C-alpha atoms as a PDB file:
ATOM      1  CA  UNK A   1    -105.837  10.371 -73.493  1.00  0.00           C
ATOM      2  CA  UNK A   2    -104.308  13.052 -71.289  1.00  0.00           C
ATOM      3  CA  UNK A   3    -106.115  14.699 -68.400  1.00  0.00           C
ATOM      4  CA  UNK A   4    -104.451  17.729 -66.841  1.00  0.00           C
ATOM      5  CA  UNK A   5    -105.067  18.325 -63.137  1.00  0.00           C
ATOM      6  CA  UNK A   6    -103.906  21.412 -61.287  1.00  0.00           C
ATOM      7  CA  UNK A   7    -104.570  23.552 -58.230  1.00  0.00           C
ATOM      8  CA  UNK A   8    -102.973  21.572 -55.433  1.00  0.00           C
ATOM      9  CA  UNK A   9    -100.725  23.086 -52.815  1.00  0.00           C
ATOM     10  CA  UNK A  10    -100.136  23.703 -49.133  1.00  0.00           C
ATOM     11  CA  UNK A  11    -103.004  25.119 -47.096  1.00  0.00           C
ATOM     12  CA  UNK A  12    -103.685  25.528 -43.399  1.00  0.00           C
ATOM     13  CA  UNK A  13    -106.493  23.620 -41.674  1.00  0.00           C
ATOM     14  CA  UNK A  14    -109.792  25.342 -42.321  1.00  0.00           C
ATOM     15  CA  UNK A  15    -108.573  26.767 -45.587  1.00  0.00           C
ATOM     16  CA  UNK A  16    -109.778  26.269 -49.155  1.00  0.00           C
ATOM     17  CA  UNK A  17    -108.423  25.130 -52.495  1.00  0.00           C
ATOM     18  CA  UNK A  18    -109.927  24.613 -55.921  1.00  0.00           C
ATOM     19  CA  UNK A  19    -108.688  21.839 -58.149  1.00  0.00           C
ATOM     20  CA  UNK A  20    -109.182  21.863 -61.908  1.00  0.00           C
ATOM     21  CA  UNK A  21    -108.934  19.130 -64.497  1.00  0.00           C
ATOM     22  CA  UNK A  22    -109.198  19.489 -68.249  1.00  0.00           C
ATOM     23  CA  UNK A  23    -109.992  16.694 -70.649  1.00  0.00           C
ATOM     24  CA  UNK A  24    -110.398  16.383 -74.416  1.00  0.00           C
ATOM     25  CA  UNK A  25    -113.874  17.437 -75.474  1.00  0.00           C
ATOM     26  CA  UNK A  26    -114.474  14.149 -77.270  1.00  0.00           C
ATOM     27  CA  UNK A  27    -114.571  12.281 -73.955  1.00  0.00           C
ATOM     28  CA  UNK A  28    -115.504  15.048 -71.547  1.00  0.00           C
ATOM     29  CA  UNK A  29    -118.952  16.102 -72.673  1.00  0.00           C
ATOM     30  CA  UNK A  30    -120.617  12.691 -72.745  1.00  0.00           C
ATOM     31  CA  UNK A  31    -119.118  11.031 -69.702  1.00  0.00           C
ATOM     32  CA  UNK A  32    -119.055  11.216 -65.942  1.00  0.00           C
ATOM     33  CA  UNK A  33    -116.048  12.916 -64.387  1.00  0.00           C
ATOM     34  CA  UNK A  34    -114.724  12.321 -60.904  1.00  0.00           C
ATOM     35  CA  UNK A  35    -112.048  12.893 -58.314  1.00  0.00           C
ATOM     36  CA  UNK A  36    -110.206  10.308 -56.255  1.00  0.00           C
ATOM     37  CA  UNK A  37    -107.423  10.725 -53.745  1.00  0.00           C
ATOM     38  CA  UNK A  38    -104.608   8.662 -52.316  1.00  0.00           C
ATOM     39  CA  UNK A  39    -103.059   9.469 -48.977  1.00  0.00           C
ATOM     40  CA  UNK A  40     -99.584   8.179 -48.045  1.00  0.00           C
ATOM     41  CA  UNK A  41     -99.730   4.490 -47.213  1.00  0.00           C
ATOM     42  CA  UNK A  42    -103.402   4.190 -48.137  1.00  0.00           C
ATOM     43  CA  UNK A  43    -105.412   2.978 -51.089  1.00  0.00           C
ATOM     44  CA  UNK A  44    -106.896   5.333 -53.607  1.00  0.00           C
ATOM     45  CA  UNK A  45    -110.412   6.340 -52.585  1.00  0.00           C
ATOM     46  CA  UNK A  46    -113.418   7.958 -54.195  1.00  0.00           C
ATOM     47  CA  UNK A  47    -114.031  11.629 -53.438  1.00  0.00           C
ATOM     48  CA  UNK A  48    -116.739  12.919 -55.774  1.00  0.00           C
ATOM     49  CA  UNK A  49    -118.261  12.481 -59.215  1.00  0.00           C
ATOM     50  CA  UNK A  50    -120.481  14.455 -61.562  1.00  0.00           C
ATOM     51  CA  UNK A  51    -122.514  13.121 -64.450  1.00  0.00           C
ATOM     52  CA  UNK A  52    -123.446  14.739 -67.720  1.00  0.00           C
ATOM     53  CA  UNK A  53    -126.714  15.883 -66.172  1.00  0.00           C
ATOM     54  CA  UNK A  54    -124.823  17.519 -63.295  1.00  0.00           C
ATOM     55  CA  UNK A  55    -125.900  14.787 -60.901  1.00  0.00           C
ATOM     56  CA  UNK A  56    -123.307  14.543 -58.145  1.00  0.00           C
ATOM     57  CA  UNK A  57    -122.072  12.004 -55.613  1.00  0.00           C
ATOM     58  CA  UNK A  58    -119.741  12.525 -52.667  1.00  0.00           C
ATOM     59  CA  UNK A  59    -117.849  10.435 -50.200  1.00  0.00           C
ATOM     60  CA  UNK A  60    -119.242  10.790 -46.700  1.00  0.00           C
ATOM     61  CA  UNK A  61    -115.931  12.205 -45.514  1.00  0.00           C
ATOM     62  CA  UNK A  62    -116.187  15.270 -47.778  1.00  0.00           C
ATOM     63  CA  UNK A  63    -119.951  15.799 -47.895  1.00  0.00           C
ATOM     64  CA  UNK A  64    -120.821  19.400 -47.114  1.00  0.00           C
ATOM     65  CA  UNK A  65    -117.226  20.594 -47.501  1.00  0.00           C
ATOM     66  CA  UNK A  66    -116.335  19.763 -51.101  1.00  0.00           C
ATOM     67  CA  UNK A  67    -118.247  20.695 -54.243  1.00  0.00           C
ATOM     68  CA  UNK A  68    -117.699  19.183 -57.668  1.00  0.00           C
ATOM     69  CA  UNK A  69    -118.772  21.047 -60.784  1.00  0.00           C
ATOM     70  CA  UNK A  70    -118.160  20.968 -64.503  1.00  0.00           C
ATOM     71  CA  UNK A  71    -117.904  23.522 -67.288  1.00  0.00           C
ATOM     72  CA  UNK A  72    -118.750  21.849 -70.562  1.00  0.00           C
ATOM     73  CA  UNK A  73    -117.689  24.890 -72.579  1.00  0.00           C
ATOM     74  CA  UNK A  74    -114.177  24.566 -71.154  1.00  0.00           C
ATOM     75  CA  UNK A  75    -114.115  20.755 -70.884  1.00  0.00           C
ATOM     76  CA  UNK A  76    -113.070  21.196 -67.277  1.00  0.00           C
ATOM     77  CA  UNK A  77    -114.159  19.689 -63.977  1.00  0.00           C
ATOM     78  CA  UNK A  78    -113.550  21.448 -60.672  1.00  0.00           C
ATOM     79  CA  UNK A  79    -113.341  20.394 -57.053  1.00  0.00           C
ATOM     80  CA  UNK A  80    -113.889  23.224 -54.594  1.00  0.00           C
ATOM     81  CA  UNK A  81    -112.535  22.137 -51.224  1.00  0.00           C
ATOM     82  CA  UNK A  82    -113.489  24.128 -48.126  1.00  0.00           C
ATOM     83  CA  UNK A  83    -112.903  23.590 -44.420  1.00  0.00           C
ATOM     84  CA  UNK A  84    -109.891  21.455 -45.220  1.00  0.00           C
ATOM     85  CA  UNK A  85    -108.574  19.066 -42.585  1.00  0.00           C
ATOM     86  CA  UNK A  86    -105.171  17.434 -42.185  1.00  0.00           C
ATOM     87  CA  UNK A  87    -106.763  14.110 -43.126  1.00  0.00           C
ATOM     88  CA  UNK A  88    -107.585  15.567 -46.554  1.00  0.00           C
ATOM     89  CA  UNK A  89    -103.871  15.509 -47.340  1.00  0.00           C
ATOM     90  CA  UNK A  90    -103.400  13.331 -50.419  1.00  0.00           C
ATOM     91  CA  UNK A  91    -102.617  13.248 -54.091  1.00  0.00           C
ATOM     92  CA  UNK A  92    -105.855  14.046 -55.902  1.00  0.00           C
ATOM     93  CA  UNK A  93    -106.588  12.443 -59.251  1.00  0.00           C
ATOM     94  CA  UNK A  94    -109.256  13.337 -61.758  1.00  0.00           C
ATOM     95  CA  UNK A  95    -110.849  10.595 -63.799  1.00  0.00           C
ATOM     96  CA  UNK A  96    -113.017  10.325 -66.863  1.00  0.00           C
ATOM     97  CA  UNK A  97    -115.138   7.232 -66.505  1.00  0.00           C
ATOM     98  CA  UNK A  98    -115.197   6.443 -70.230  1.00  0.00           C
ATOM     99  CA  UNK A  99    -111.809   4.688 -70.155  1.00  0.00           C
ATOM    100  CA  UNK A 100    -111.337   5.160 -67.358  1.00  0.00           C
ATOM    101  CA  UNK A 101    -108.763   7.829 -68.081  1.00  0.00           C
ATOM    102  CA  UNK A 102    -106.742   9.269 -65.199  1.00  0.00           C
ATOM    103  CA  UNK A 103    -104.967  12.562 -64.679  1.00  0.00           C
ATOM    104  CA  UNK A 104    -101.429  12.727 -63.331  1.00  0.00           C
ATOM    105  CA  UNK A 105    -102.441  13.812 -59.823  1.00  0.00           C
ATOM    106  CA  UNK A 106    -101.992  17.000 -57.860  1.00  0.00           C
ATOM    107  CA  UNK A 107    -100.765  17.086 -54.262  1.00  0.00           C
ATOM    108  CA  UNK A 108    -102.866  18.716 -51.559  1.00  0.00           C
ATOM    109  CA  UNK A 109    -101.214  19.197 -48.182  1.00  0.00           C
ATOM    110  CA  UNK A 110    -103.214  20.476 -45.237  1.00  0.00           C
ATOM    111  CA  UNK A 111    -100.921  21.472 -42.411  1.00  0.00           C
ATOM    112  CA  UNK A 112    -100.235  24.296 -40.024  1.00  0.00           C
END
């Protein structure tokens, strides 16, 4: 199963980015989707998740700054990231909890 993540890049502190991740409809519509991240030299950590009923969960470190959403018509999950900080720099991975199935990762760099 292939998940396609995109939207990463270089942004200045305080800036915004939106990540996207598409998944096959057969696994997307009936399962929770999420985002994790892995910073250099650190373990992969949970960022946010969204269930089929649009119930959401966030890591404390991103609460109030990041918003996860899903578009079931497009089989896509999004992560809107605002007020970015240098410590948000990481490779971001989307995940479908059915497998779990992981995307290939997209790099977010927050730097001036």
